[in-house]
Amino acid sequence: MEKRQELYAGKAKSVYTTDDQDRLVLQFRDDTSAFDGKKKEALARKGMVNNVFNAFIMARLQEAGVPTHFEKRLNATESLVKKLDMIPVECVVRNIAAGGLVKRLGVEEGIELAPPTFELFLKDDEKGDPMINESLAETFGWAKPEQLAEMKALTYQVNDVLKALFAQGGLLLVDYKLEFGVFKGKIVLGDEFSPDGCRLWDAETREKLDKDRFRQGLGGVIEAYEEVGRRIGIEFPA
């Protein structure tokens, strides 16, 4: 597989074309940002940690029957993925109140949400990724009703698989976001799953072990990511 030109550079990842029109190379960089890019920093080993973490999670999801774009990890910071026609709608599940939900509704952080909540957000950095609903997504052509239904079902399936996985490591899956795309007519999980796009707490102490450590200036960001990984069986390169 030959890596070719850069197709897109996001806040923390770059995407490259290959000699296969249906495959891309996803490169995880050390760049870290928060608050719509207002806070930025390069954290050593972050690209490697997130790439290895994502490869492990995607493999577990595939084993559970969740279709993903992930093909294989190529090296420390790069993975081979299917080229998807991305749907510009993020799916968010919240198992415990935190982050934007607390700010928006004024509820207490840490409250267990039963049943878990499901939310949709338009993926648009310039607009601050506004919250939307199924009706808006359909009306403005961001997603079809049947696509939204499949995305919701898969998002909840991911929740069942990963809550159990993280629980084995003494961790709480607080919330997370997923992105989907279309590959040969089928809805497929895209982007990544790492501590950059979810919240993970220690089940006993409720210590934050995710990107909130960067947002809130708590330090030890990558060390926390690696701790989460080790607890669920990930071995990171030295």
Protein backbone atom coordinates (compact mmCIF):
# COMPACT_ATOMS: atom_id res chain seq x y z
CA MET A 1 0.00 0.00 0.00
CA GLU A 2 1.58 3.28 -1.14
CA LYS A 3 0.90 6.42 0.90
CA ARG A 4 0.45 9.44 -1.34
CA GLN A 5 -0.60 13.07 -0.88
CA GLU A 6 -2.21 14.67 2.16
CA LEU A 7 -5.96 14.88 1.68
CA TYR A 8 -6.93 16.63 4.90
CA ALA A 9 -5.31 17.89 8.11
CA GLY A 10 -7.55 18.17 11.18
CA LYS A 11 -6.79 19.29 14.71
CA ALA A 12 -5.03 16.08 15.71
CA LYS A 13 -4.99 13.80 12.65
CA SER A 14 -3.99 13.93 9.01
CA VAL A 15 -5.48 11.87 6.19
CA TYR A 16 -3.54 10.69 3.14
CA THR A 17 -4.61 9.08 -0.11
CA THR A 18 -3.12 5.78 -1.23
CA ASP A 19 -2.74 3.86 -4.48
CA ASP A 20 -6.08 2.21 -3.62
CA GLN A 21 -8.98 4.60 -4.23
CA ASP A 22 -10.99 2.90 -1.47
CA ARG A 23 -8.29 3.13 1.23
CA LEU A 24 -6.72 6.00 3.17
CA VAL A 25 -3.89 6.38 5.66
CA LEU A 26 -4.92 7.97 8.95
CA GLN A 27 -2.02 9.64 10.75
CA PHE A 28 -2.32 10.47 14.45
CA ARG A 29 -0.26 13.52 15.40
CA ASP A 30 0.95 14.75 18.80
CA ASP A 31 -1.15 17.92 18.45
CA THR A 32 -3.82 18.50 21.10
CA SER A 33 -6.49 21.19 21.16
CA ALA A 34 -9.54 22.18 23.17
CA PHE A 35 -12.22 24.87 23.26
CA ASP A 36 -12.55 25.04 19.46
CA GLY A 37 -8.81 25.31 19.00
CA LYS A 38 -8.26 28.13 21.50
CA LYS A 39 -5.98 25.91 23.60
CA LYS A 40 -3.29 24.03 21.70
CA GLU A 41 -0.24 22.00 22.62
CA ALA A 42 1.91 19.19 21.27
CA LEU A 43 2.12 16.30 23.73
CA ALA A 44 4.94 13.78 23.24
CA ARG A 45 3.79 10.23 22.39
CA LYS A 46 0.15 11.27 21.96
CA GLY A 47 -0.03 10.29 18.29
CA MET A 48 1.36 6.85 19.02
CA VAL A 49 -0.82 6.30 22.09
CA ASN A 50 -4.03 7.27 20.32
CA ASN A 51 -3.21 5.22 17.23
CA VAL A 52 -2.52 2.08 19.28
CA PHE A 53 -5.53 2.74 21.53
CA ASN A 54 -7.84 3.24 18.56
CA ALA A 55 -6.60 0.09 16.81
CA PHE A 56 -7.34 -1.97 19.93
CA ILE A 57 -10.85 -0.54 20.38
CA MET A 58 -11.77 -0.86 16.71
CA ALA A 59 -10.70 -4.51 16.76
CA ARG A 60 -12.89 -5.18 19.82
CA LEU A 61 -15.85 -3.49 18.15
CA GLN A 62 -15.37 -5.46 14.94
CA GLU A 63 -15.30 -8.68 16.96
CA ALA A 64 -18.67 -7.64 18.42
CA GLY A 65 -20.14 -7.12 14.95
CA VAL A 66 -19.81 -3.34 14.65
CA PRO A 67 -18.71 -2.40 11.09
CA THR A 68 -15.78 0.04 11.17
CA HIS A 69 -13.49 1.71 8.67
CA PHE A 70 -10.39 0.33 10.43
CA GLU A 71 -8.25 -2.10 8.43
CA LYS A 72 -4.92 -2.38 10.25
CA ARG A 73 -2.27 -0.43 12.13
CA LEU A 74 0.62 0.34 9.79
CA ASN A 75 3.17 1.69 12.27
CA ALA A 76 3.39 3.67 15.51
CA THR A 77 1.30 6.61 14.33
CA GLU A 78 -0.52 5.47 11.17
CA SER A 79 -3.40 3.16 10.34
CA LEU A 80 -5.00 2.00 7.12
CA VAL A 81 -8.74 2.69 6.87
CA LYS A 82 -11.56 2.44 4.37
CA LYS A 83 -12.43 5.65 2.55
CA LEU A 84 -15.91 6.65 3.70
CA ASP A 85 -18.40 9.19 2.46
CA MET A 86 -18.66 10.85 5.87
CA ILE A 87 -21.99 11.93 7.36
CA PRO A 88 -21.55 15.34 9.04
CA VAL A 89 -23.43 14.34 12.18
CA GLU A 90 -21.80 13.29 15.47
CA CYS A 91 -23.59 10.79 17.70
CA VAL A 92 -23.10 11.27 21.44
CA VAL A 93 -24.09 8.88 24.22
CA ARG A 94 -23.91 9.97 27.85
CA ASN A 95 -23.94 7.42 30.66
CA ILE A 96 -23.01 9.91 33.38
CA ALA A 97 -23.63 13.67 33.51
CA ALA A 98 -20.50 15.65 32.62
CA GLY A 99 -19.15 18.31 30.29
CA GLY A 100 -21.60 20.08 28.00
CA LEU A 101 -24.67 18.42 29.52
CA VAL A 102 -23.86 19.81 32.97
CA LYS A 103 -23.23 23.27 31.55
CA ARG A 104 -26.33 23.23 29.36
CA LEU A 105 -28.85 21.90 31.88
CA GLY A 106 -27.28 22.83 35.20
CA VAL A 107 -27.41 19.25 36.48
CA GLU A 108 -24.86 17.87 38.92
CA GLU A 109 -21.73 16.31 37.45
CA GLY A 110 -21.49 12.59 38.13
CA ILE A 111 -25.20 11.73 38.13
CA GLU A 112 -25.83 8.37 36.47
CA LEU A 113 -28.12 8.71 33.47
CA ALA A 114 -30.60 5.86 33.21
CA PRO A 115 -31.32 5.27 30.46
CA PRO A 116 -28.24 6.77 28.76
CA THR A 117 -28.97 9.84 26.65
CA PHE A 118 -28.43 10.04 22.89
CA GLU A 119 -27.71 13.35 21.16
CA LEU A 120 -26.82 14.57 17.68
CA PHE A 121 -24.45 17.38 16.79
CA LEU A 122 -23.66 18.92 13.43
CA LYS A 123 -19.96 18.53 12.67
CA ASP A 124 -19.09 22.13 11.84
CA ASP A 125 -16.14 23.76 13.62
CA GLU A 126 -17.07 27.27 12.50
CA LYS A 127 -20.49 26.95 14.12
CA GLY A 128 -19.13 25.24 17.21
CA ASP A 129 -20.69 21.83 16.40
CA PRO A 130 -24.26 22.83 17.32
CA MET A 131 -26.73 20.34 18.77
CA ILE A 132 -29.36 19.22 16.24
CA ASN A 133 -32.14 16.62 15.98
CA GLU A 134 -33.25 13.99 13.48
CA SER A 135 -35.72 16.36 11.83
CA LEU A 136 -33.07 18.99 11.14
CA ALA A 137 -30.64 16.38 9.84
CA GLU A 138 -33.26 15.10 7.40
CA THR A 139 -34.56 18.52 6.33
CA PHE A 140 -31.11 19.92 5.54
CA GLY A 141 -29.89 16.71 3.93
CA TRP A 142 -27.17 15.91 6.42
CA ALA A 143 -28.45 12.37 6.88
CA LYS A 144 -31.36 10.20 5.79
CA PRO A 145 -33.84 8.79 8.34
CA GLU A 146 -32.68 5.22 7.76
CA GLN A 147 -29.06 6.28 8.18
CA LEU A 148 -29.84 8.04 11.45
CA ALA A 149 -31.66 4.97 12.74
CA GLU A 150 -28.70 2.74 11.90
CA MET A 151 -26.23 5.21 13.43
CA LYS A 152 -28.26 5.33 16.65
CA ALA A 153 -28.49 1.54 16.87
CA LEU A 154 -24.74 1.14 16.29
CA THR A 155 -23.93 3.87 18.81
CA TYR A 156 -25.88 2.04 21.50
CA GLN A 157 -24.24 -1.25 20.49
CA VAL A 158 -20.85 0.40 20.94
CA ASN A 159 -22.00 1.55 24.38
CA ASP A 160 -22.85 -2.00 25.45
CA VAL A 161 -19.51 -3.36 24.25
CA LEU A 162 -17.28 -0.62 25.62
CA LYS A 163 -19.00 -0.09 28.98
CA ALA A 164 -18.30 -3.75 29.72
CA LEU A 165 -14.73 -3.56 28.42
CA PHE A 166 -13.82 -0.51 30.48
CA ALA A 167 -15.59 -1.87 33.55
CA GLN A 168 -13.18 -4.81 33.48
CA GLY A 169 -10.40 -2.26 33.97
CA GLY A 170 -12.16 -0.49 36.85
CA LEU A 171 -13.24 2.40 34.61
CA LEU A 172 -16.47 4.25 33.92
CA LEU A 173 -17.34 5.18 30.33
CA VAL A 174 -18.91 8.56 31.05
CA ASP A 175 -19.69 9.70 27.51
CA TYR A 176 -18.31 9.59 23.99
CA LYS A 177 -18.85 10.77 20.42
CA LEU A 178 -18.88 8.72 17.24
CA GLU A 179 -18.79 9.62 13.56
CA PHE A 180 -20.13 7.47 10.74
CA GLY A 181 -19.83 7.30 6.99
CA VAL A 182 -21.00 5.25 4.04
CA PHE A 183 -18.86 2.56 2.43
CA LYS A 184 -20.33 0.73 -0.57
CA GLY A 185 -23.85 1.58 0.56
CA LYS A 186 -23.44 0.56 4.21
CA ILE A 187 -23.19 2.66 7.37
CA VAL A 188 -19.74 2.21 8.90
CA LEU A 189 -18.11 3.62 12.05
CA GLY A 190 -15.37 6.09 11.12
CA ASP A 191 -12.92 8.52 12.71
CA GLU A 192 -11.39 7.20 15.96
CA PHE A 193 -12.15 6.04 19.49
CA SER A 194 -9.58 7.26 22.01
CA PRO A 195 -9.53 9.27 25.25
CA ASP A 196 -9.57 12.35 23.01
CA GLY A 197 -13.23 11.73 22.12
CA CYS A 198 -14.68 10.25 25.28
CA ARG A 199 -14.68 10.66 29.04
CA LEU A 200 -13.29 7.91 31.24
CA TRP A 201 -13.18 7.99 35.04
CA ASP A 202 -11.69 5.67 37.61
CA ALA A 203 -14.68 3.73 38.94
CA GLU A 204 -13.70 4.15 42.61
CA THR A 205 -12.06 7.58 42.84
CA ARG A 206 -13.75 9.16 39.80
CA GLU A 207 -10.38 10.54 38.77
CA LYS A 208 -10.56 11.87 35.21
CA LEU A 209 -8.38 9.88 32.81
CA ASP A 210 -9.26 11.51 29.50
CA LYS A 211 -8.90 14.76 27.55
CA ASP A 212 -10.49 16.71 30.42
CA ARG A 213 -7.03 16.54 32.00
CA PHE A 214 -5.86 18.79 29.15
CA ARG A 215 -8.97 20.98 29.12
CA GLN A 216 -8.80 21.57 32.88
CA GLY A 217 -5.00 21.82 33.16
CA LEU A 218 -4.71 18.76 35.41
CA GLY A 219 -1.50 17.50 33.80
CA GLY A 220 -0.45 13.93 33.16
CA VAL A 221 -2.58 13.70 30.01
CA ILE A 222 -0.70 11.01 28.11
CA GLU A 223 0.12 9.13 31.30
CA ALA A 224 -3.63 8.92 31.97
CA TYR A 225 -4.33 7.69 28.42
CA GLU A 226 -1.69 4.99 28.85
CA GLU A 227 -3.08 4.00 32.24
CA VAL A 228 -6.53 3.49 30.70
CA GLY A 229 -4.99 1.43 27.92
CA ARG A 230 -3.01 -0.82 30.25
CA ARG A 231 -6.10 -1.49 32.37
CA ILE A 232 -7.97 -2.92 29.39
CA GLY A 233 -5.05 -4.91 28.01
CA ILE A 234 -3.27 -2.57 25.58
CA GLU A 235 0.50 -2.82 25.29
CA PHE A 236 2.10 0.42 24.11
CA PRO A 237 5.52 0.50 22.37
CA ALA A 238 8.35 1.78 24.56
